[in-house]
Amino acid sequence: MNETKLIEKAIEAMHKAYAPYSNFKVGAALLTKSGRIFTGCNVENASFGLSICAERVAIFSAVSAGELQFEKLVVVANTDSPVSPCGACRQVMSEFGDFEVLLVNTRGEVVRTRVSELLPRAFKLKEG
């Protein structure tokens, strides 16, 4: 999968975000090891605790389709520097392994990292 295409998919998802309260739109595109792409956008709610981030929407969509092995996740927002996932998203990401994560802004800046770098010593119920 071409990374440029994956970033484009994340930007498309960002434009679909529902963010009437913060106006902070985020998009994500997740590439599974089988080659499928799942996208997500943040969805806000008037009861802020019920909002969900783009990263988790993409991951949960993949899981609901039977995909559990991930290759790469792109996260994009219109920010000054590349956007970084929140702590909850980092924990969810760690559940599925140490895959590559690209943090991107709409100006084309990219930071390459991995789940283990974003969340060292992640919480696990069991080792292995």
C-alpha atoms as a PDB file:
ATOM      1  CA  MET A   1       0.000   0.000   0.000  1.00  0.00           C
ATOM      2  CA  ASN A   2       1.306   3.376  -1.013  1.00  0.00           C
ATOM      3  CA  GLU A   3       1.720   5.624   2.066  1.00  0.00           C
ATOM      4  CA  THR A   4       0.539   8.653   0.128  1.00  0.00           C
ATOM      5  CA  LYS A   5      -2.752   6.852  -0.586  1.00  0.00           C
ATOM      6  CA  LEU A   6      -3.114   5.933   3.088  1.00  0.00           C
ATOM      7  CA  ILE A   7      -2.553   9.565   4.113  1.00  0.00           C
ATOM      8  CA  GLU A   8      -5.137  10.675   1.517  1.00  0.00           C
ATOM      9  CA  LYS A   9      -7.665   8.235   3.009  1.00  0.00           C
ATOM     10  CA  ALA A  10      -7.026   9.693   6.476  1.00  0.00           C
ATOM     11  CA  ILE A  11      -7.542  13.228   5.156  1.00  0.00           C
ATOM     12  CA  GLU A  12     -10.814  12.169   3.496  1.00  0.00           C
ATOM     13  CA  ALA A  13     -11.943  10.713   6.819  1.00  0.00           C
ATOM     14  CA  MET A  14     -10.946  13.916   8.637  1.00  0.00           C
ATOM     15  CA  HIS A  15     -13.306  15.914   6.429  1.00  0.00           C
ATOM     16  CA  LYS A  16     -16.172  13.651   7.560  1.00  0.00           C
ATOM     17  CA  ALA A  17     -15.547  14.297  11.272  1.00  0.00           C
ATOM     18  CA  TYR A  18     -18.432  15.476  13.421  1.00  0.00           C
ATOM     19  CA  ALA A  19     -16.840  18.101  15.660  1.00  0.00           C
ATOM     20  CA  PRO A  20     -19.392  20.895  16.260  1.00  0.00           C
ATOM     21  CA  TYR A  21     -18.079  21.661  19.764  1.00  0.00           C
ATOM     22  CA  SER A  22     -14.313  21.735  19.352  1.00  0.00           C
ATOM     23  CA  ASN A  23     -14.079  22.138  15.567  1.00  0.00           C
ATOM     24  CA  PHE A  24     -10.997  19.885  15.929  1.00  0.00           C
ATOM     25  CA  LYS A  25     -11.366  17.359  13.138  1.00  0.00           C
ATOM     26  CA  VAL A  26      -9.192  14.240  13.071  1.00  0.00           C
ATOM     27  CA  GLY A  27      -9.021  11.449  10.528  1.00  0.00           C
ATOM     28  CA  ALA A  28      -7.394   8.051  10.648  1.00  0.00           C
ATOM     29  CA  ALA A  29      -6.634   5.326   8.137  1.00  0.00           C
ATOM     30  CA  LEU A  30      -5.627   1.862   9.303  1.00  0.00           C
ATOM     31  CA  LEU A  31      -3.890  -0.653   7.066  1.00  0.00           C
ATOM     32  CA  THR A  32      -4.325  -4.260   8.141  1.00  0.00           C
ATOM     33  CA  LYS A  33      -1.772  -6.984   7.480  1.00  0.00           C
ATOM     34  CA  SER A  34      -4.213  -8.496   4.965  1.00  0.00           C
ATOM     35  CA  GLY A  35      -4.109  -5.225   2.970  1.00  0.00           C
ATOM     36  CA  ARG A  36      -7.507  -3.826   3.883  1.00  0.00           C
ATOM     37  CA  ILE A  37      -7.968  -0.165   4.839  1.00  0.00           C
ATOM     38  CA  PHE A  38     -10.346   1.048   7.534  1.00  0.00           C
ATOM     39  CA  THR A  39     -10.937   4.727   8.143  1.00  0.00           C
ATOM     40  CA  GLY A  40     -12.284   6.656  11.077  1.00  0.00           C
ATOM     41  CA  CYS A  41     -13.079  10.202  12.125  1.00  0.00           C
ATOM     42  CA  ASN A  42     -13.747  11.732  15.498  1.00  0.00           C
ATOM     43  CA  VAL A  43     -17.406  11.988  16.505  1.00  0.00           C
ATOM     44  CA  GLU A  44     -18.259  14.460  19.270  1.00  0.00           C
ATOM     45  CA  ASN A  45     -21.298  14.492  21.506  1.00  0.00           C
ATOM     46  CA  ALA A  46     -22.859  17.193  23.685  1.00  0.00           C
ATOM     47  CA  SER A  47     -22.055  14.883  26.598  1.00  0.00           C
ATOM     48  CA  PHE A  48     -18.305  15.136  25.953  1.00  0.00           C
ATOM     49  CA  GLY A  49     -17.431  11.805  27.577  1.00  0.00           C
ATOM     50  CA  LEU A  50     -19.437  10.042  24.871  1.00  0.00           C
ATOM     51  CA  SER A  51     -17.231  11.398  22.086  1.00  0.00           C
ATOM     52  CA  ILE A  52     -14.838   9.033  20.294  1.00  0.00           C
ATOM     53  CA  CYS A  53     -11.536   9.585  18.524  1.00  0.00           C
ATOM     54  CA  ALA A  54     -10.759   8.791  14.895  1.00  0.00           C
ATOM     55  CA  GLU A  55      -8.135   6.201  15.793  1.00  0.00           C
ATOM     56  CA  ARG A  56     -10.551   4.113  17.835  1.00  0.00           C
ATOM     57  CA  VAL A  57     -13.267   4.354  15.172  1.00  0.00           C
ATOM     58  CA  ALA A  58     -10.839   2.942  12.574  1.00  0.00           C
ATOM     59  CA  ILE A  59      -9.584   0.194  14.907  1.00  0.00           C
ATOM     60  CA  PHE A  60     -13.070  -0.805  16.059  1.00  0.00           C
ATOM     61  CA  SER A  61     -14.281  -0.881  12.436  1.00  0.00           C
ATOM     62  CA  ALA A  62     -11.429  -3.227  11.542  1.00  0.00           C
ATOM     63  CA  VAL A  63     -12.120  -5.477  14.516  1.00  0.00           C
ATOM     64  CA  SER A  64     -15.832  -5.613  13.706  1.00  0.00           C
ATOM     65  CA  ALA A  65     -14.853  -6.811  10.207  1.00  0.00           C
ATOM     66  CA  GLY A  66     -12.705  -9.589  11.684  1.00  0.00           C
ATOM     67  CA  GLU A  67      -9.313  -7.918  11.272  1.00  0.00           C
ATOM     68  CA  LEU A  68      -6.979  -8.120  14.271  1.00  0.00           C
ATOM     69  CA  GLN A  69      -3.506  -7.654  12.779  1.00  0.00           C
ATOM     70  CA  PHE A  70      -2.450  -4.162  11.823  1.00  0.00           C
ATOM     71  CA  GLU A  71       0.412  -2.919   9.683  1.00  0.00           C
ATOM     72  CA  LYS A  72       0.173   0.869   9.874  1.00  0.00           C
ATOM     73  CA  LEU A  73      -2.055   3.647  11.217  1.00  0.00           C
ATOM     74  CA  VAL A  74      -2.118   7.201   9.882  1.00  0.00           C
ATOM     75  CA  VAL A  75      -3.554   9.960  12.089  1.00  0.00           C
ATOM     76  CA  VAL A  76      -4.097  13.410  10.565  1.00  0.00           C
ATOM     77  CA  ALA A  77      -5.402  16.801  11.671  1.00  0.00           C
ATOM     78  CA  ASN A  78      -5.112  20.426  10.609  1.00  0.00           C
ATOM     79  CA  THR A  79      -2.549  21.288  13.278  1.00  0.00           C
ATOM     80  CA  ASP A  80       0.715  23.237  13.422  1.00  0.00           C
ATOM     81  CA  SER A  81       2.722  20.084  14.067  1.00  0.00           C
ATOM     82  CA  PRO A  82       1.757  16.472  13.372  1.00  0.00           C
ATOM     83  CA  VAL A  83      -1.127  15.359  15.590  1.00  0.00           C
ATOM     84  CA  SER A  84      -0.571  12.797  18.336  1.00  0.00           C
ATOM     85  CA  PRO A  85      -3.087  10.238  19.672  1.00  0.00           C
ATOM     86  CA  CYS A  86      -4.624  10.681  23.116  1.00  0.00           C
ATOM     87  CA  GLY A  87      -3.813   8.270  25.924  1.00  0.00           C
ATOM     88  CA  ALA A  88      -7.006   6.241  25.485  1.00  0.00           C
ATOM     89  CA  CYS A  89      -6.231   5.673  21.807  1.00  0.00           C
ATOM     90  CA  ARG A  90      -2.657   4.695  22.630  1.00  0.00           C
ATOM     91  CA  GLN A  91      -3.924   2.077  25.074  1.00  0.00           C
ATOM     92  CA  VAL A  92      -6.385   0.678  22.517  1.00  0.00           C
ATOM     93  CA  MET A  93      -3.636   0.598  19.879  1.00  0.00           C
ATOM     94  CA  SER A  94      -1.342  -1.333  22.221  1.00  0.00           C
ATOM     95  CA  GLU A  95      -3.941  -4.099  22.478  1.00  0.00           C
ATOM     96  CA  PHE A  96      -3.183  -5.013  18.856  1.00  0.00           C
ATOM     97  CA  GLY A  97       0.611  -4.996  18.795  1.00  0.00           C
ATOM     98  CA  ASP A  98       3.528  -2.761  17.974  1.00  0.00           C
ATOM     99  CA  PHE A  99       2.627  -1.476  14.509  1.00  0.00           C
ATOM    100  CA  GLU A 100       3.880   1.638  12.746  1.00  0.00           C
ATOM    101  CA  VAL A 101       2.034   4.922  13.350  1.00  0.00           C
ATOM    102  CA  LEU A 102       2.339   8.002  11.139  1.00  0.00           C
ATOM    103  CA  LEU A 103       1.452  11.300  12.789  1.00  0.00           C
ATOM    104  CA  VAL A 104       0.551  13.827  10.093  1.00  0.00           C
ATOM    105  CA  ASN A 105      -0.719  17.360   9.642  1.00  0.00           C
ATOM    106  CA  THR A 106      -2.431  18.781   6.576  1.00  0.00           C
ATOM    107  CA  ARG A 107       0.752  20.634   5.579  1.00  0.00           C
ATOM    108  CA  GLY A 108       2.365  17.278   4.833  1.00  0.00           C
ATOM    109  CA  GLU A 109       4.633  16.984   7.855  1.00  0.00           C
ATOM    110  CA  VAL A 110       5.006  13.382   9.010  1.00  0.00           C
ATOM    111  CA  VAL A 111       6.412  11.859  12.197  1.00  0.00           C
ATOM    112  CA  ARG A 112       7.042   8.110  12.064  1.00  0.00           C
ATOM    113  CA  THR A 113       6.727   6.198  15.274  1.00  0.00           C
ATOM    114  CA  ARG A 114       5.472   2.899  16.686  1.00  0.00           C
ATOM    115  CA  VAL A 115       2.871   2.017  19.266  1.00  0.00           C
ATOM    116  CA  SER A 116       5.604   1.026  21.756  1.00  0.00           C
ATOM    117  CA  GLU A 117       7.194   4.468  21.439  1.00  0.00           C
ATOM    118  CA  LEU A 118       3.867   6.229  21.949  1.00  0.00           C
ATOM    119  CA  LEU A 119       3.007   4.112  24.992  1.00  0.00           C
ATOM    120  CA  PRO A 120       6.006   2.487  26.639  1.00  0.00           C
ATOM    121  CA  ARG A 121       5.169   0.003  29.389  1.00  0.00           C
ATOM    122  CA  ALA A 122       1.543  -0.260  28.244  1.00  0.00           C
ATOM    123  CA  PHE A 123      -0.991  -1.860  30.593  1.00  0.00           C
ATOM    124  CA  LYS A 124      -1.528  -5.566  29.847  1.00  0.00           C
ATOM    125  CA  LEU A 125      -3.726  -8.055  31.672  1.00  0.00           C
ATOM    126  CA  LYS A 126      -1.449 -10.861  30.543  1.00  0.00           C
ATOM    127  CA  GLU A 127       2.036 -11.011  29.077  1.00  0.00           C
ATOM    128  CA  GLY A 128       2.657 -12.439  25.659  1.00  0.00           C
END
